[in-house]
Amino acid sequence: MVRCPECDAEMDLDEDEVEEGEILSCPECDVELEVTQVHPVHVIPLTEDEDDDEEEEAEGEAEVAAEEPGDLIEDEAE
């Protein structure tokens, strides 16, 4: 039996039915939880900040990738 780290509600999760990295919702408080371990099952709450950081990193990487080809063309012209 796994307990929600936010509200301490019991969650019936079988280690054969979940995968590491899977995102679940607590049935009591609706907080999003990430499965960090499957034997035994362990979950941690996801915070809004973590989701925002991941999105910002992805956007930043896309911007860098978009800038690099332009920089190369400018260098060749000089």
Protein backbone atom coordinates (compact mmCIF):
# COMPACT_ATOMS: atom_id res chain seq x y z
CA MET A 1 0.00 0.00 0.00
CA VAL A 2 1.32 3.44 -0.96
CA ARG A 3 0.40 6.66 0.84
CA CYS A 4 0.07 10.03 -0.86
CA PRO A 5 2.89 12.26 0.42
CA GLU A 6 0.55 15.27 0.36
CA CYS A 7 -2.65 14.06 2.09
CA ASP A 8 -1.55 10.64 3.45
CA ALA A 9 -4.39 8.86 1.65
CA GLU A 10 -3.85 5.18 0.90
CA MET A 11 -3.40 4.39 -2.78
CA ASP A 12 -3.75 0.83 -4.03
CA LEU A 13 -0.85 0.56 -6.47
CA ASP A 14 0.61 -2.74 -7.61
CA GLU A 15 4.26 -2.68 -8.62
CA ASP A 16 3.37 -4.79 -11.67
CA GLU A 17 0.88 -2.16 -12.86
CA VAL A 18 3.02 1.00 -12.67
CA GLU A 19 6.25 2.06 -14.36
CA GLU A 20 9.05 4.26 -13.11
CA GLY A 21 8.48 7.83 -14.32
CA GLU A 22 4.71 7.33 -14.66
CA ILE A 23 2.53 10.25 -13.53
CA LEU A 24 -0.48 9.44 -11.35
CA SER A 25 -3.11 11.51 -9.55
CA CYS A 26 -4.06 11.03 -5.93
CA PRO A 27 -7.74 10.02 -5.75
CA GLU A 28 -8.23 12.12 -2.59
CA CYS A 29 -6.38 15.42 -3.15
CA ASP A 30 -5.79 15.25 -6.96
CA VAL A 31 -2.10 16.11 -6.61
CA GLU A 32 0.05 14.74 -9.45
CA LEU A 33 2.56 12.14 -8.33
CA GLU A 34 5.55 10.68 -10.12
CA VAL A 35 6.50 7.04 -9.61
CA THR A 36 10.20 7.11 -8.69
CA GLN A 37 10.56 3.45 -7.75
CA VAL A 38 8.51 0.33 -8.48
CA HIS A 39 9.89 -2.22 -6.00
CA PRO A 40 8.50 -1.19 -3.56
CA VAL A 41 6.35 1.49 -5.19
CA HIS A 42 7.44 4.99 -4.17
CA VAL A 43 5.89 8.25 -5.37
CA ILE A 44 6.78 11.93 -5.02
CA PRO A 45 4.56 14.95 -5.66
CA LEU A 46 5.12 16.96 -8.82
CA THR A 47 5.15 20.70 -8.26
CA GLU A 48 4.16 23.41 -10.72
CA ASP A 49 7.76 24.72 -10.58
CA GLU A 50 9.19 21.42 -11.88
CA ASP A 51 6.77 21.39 -14.80
CA ASP A 52 7.57 25.02 -15.63
CA ASP A 53 11.33 24.40 -15.42
CA GLU A 54 11.10 21.48 -17.85
CA GLU A 55 9.09 23.57 -20.33
CA GLU A 56 11.53 26.50 -20.06
CA GLU A 57 14.51 24.19 -20.64
CA ALA A 58 12.88 22.71 -23.74
CA GLU A 59 12.07 26.19 -25.07
CA GLY A 60 15.62 27.38 -24.38
CA GLU A 61 17.12 24.41 -26.22
CA ALA A 62 14.85 25.05 -29.21
CA GLU A 63 15.91 28.71 -29.31
CA VAL A 64 19.61 27.79 -29.22
CA ALA A 65 19.13 25.25 -32.01
CA ALA A 66 17.31 27.84 -34.10
CA GLU A 67 20.07 30.43 -33.59
CA GLU A 68 23.01 28.19 -34.45
CA PRO A 69 22.37 27.80 -38.20
CA GLY A 70 21.89 31.56 -38.56
CA ASP A 71 25.16 32.22 -36.75
CA LEU A 72 27.00 29.89 -39.10
CA ILE A 73 25.66 31.63 -42.19
CA GLU A 74 26.70 35.05 -40.85
CA ASP A 75 30.20 33.73 -40.08
CA GLU A 76 30.58 32.38 -43.62
CA ALA A 77 29.60 35.74 -45.12
CA GLU A 78 32.40 37.55 -43.25
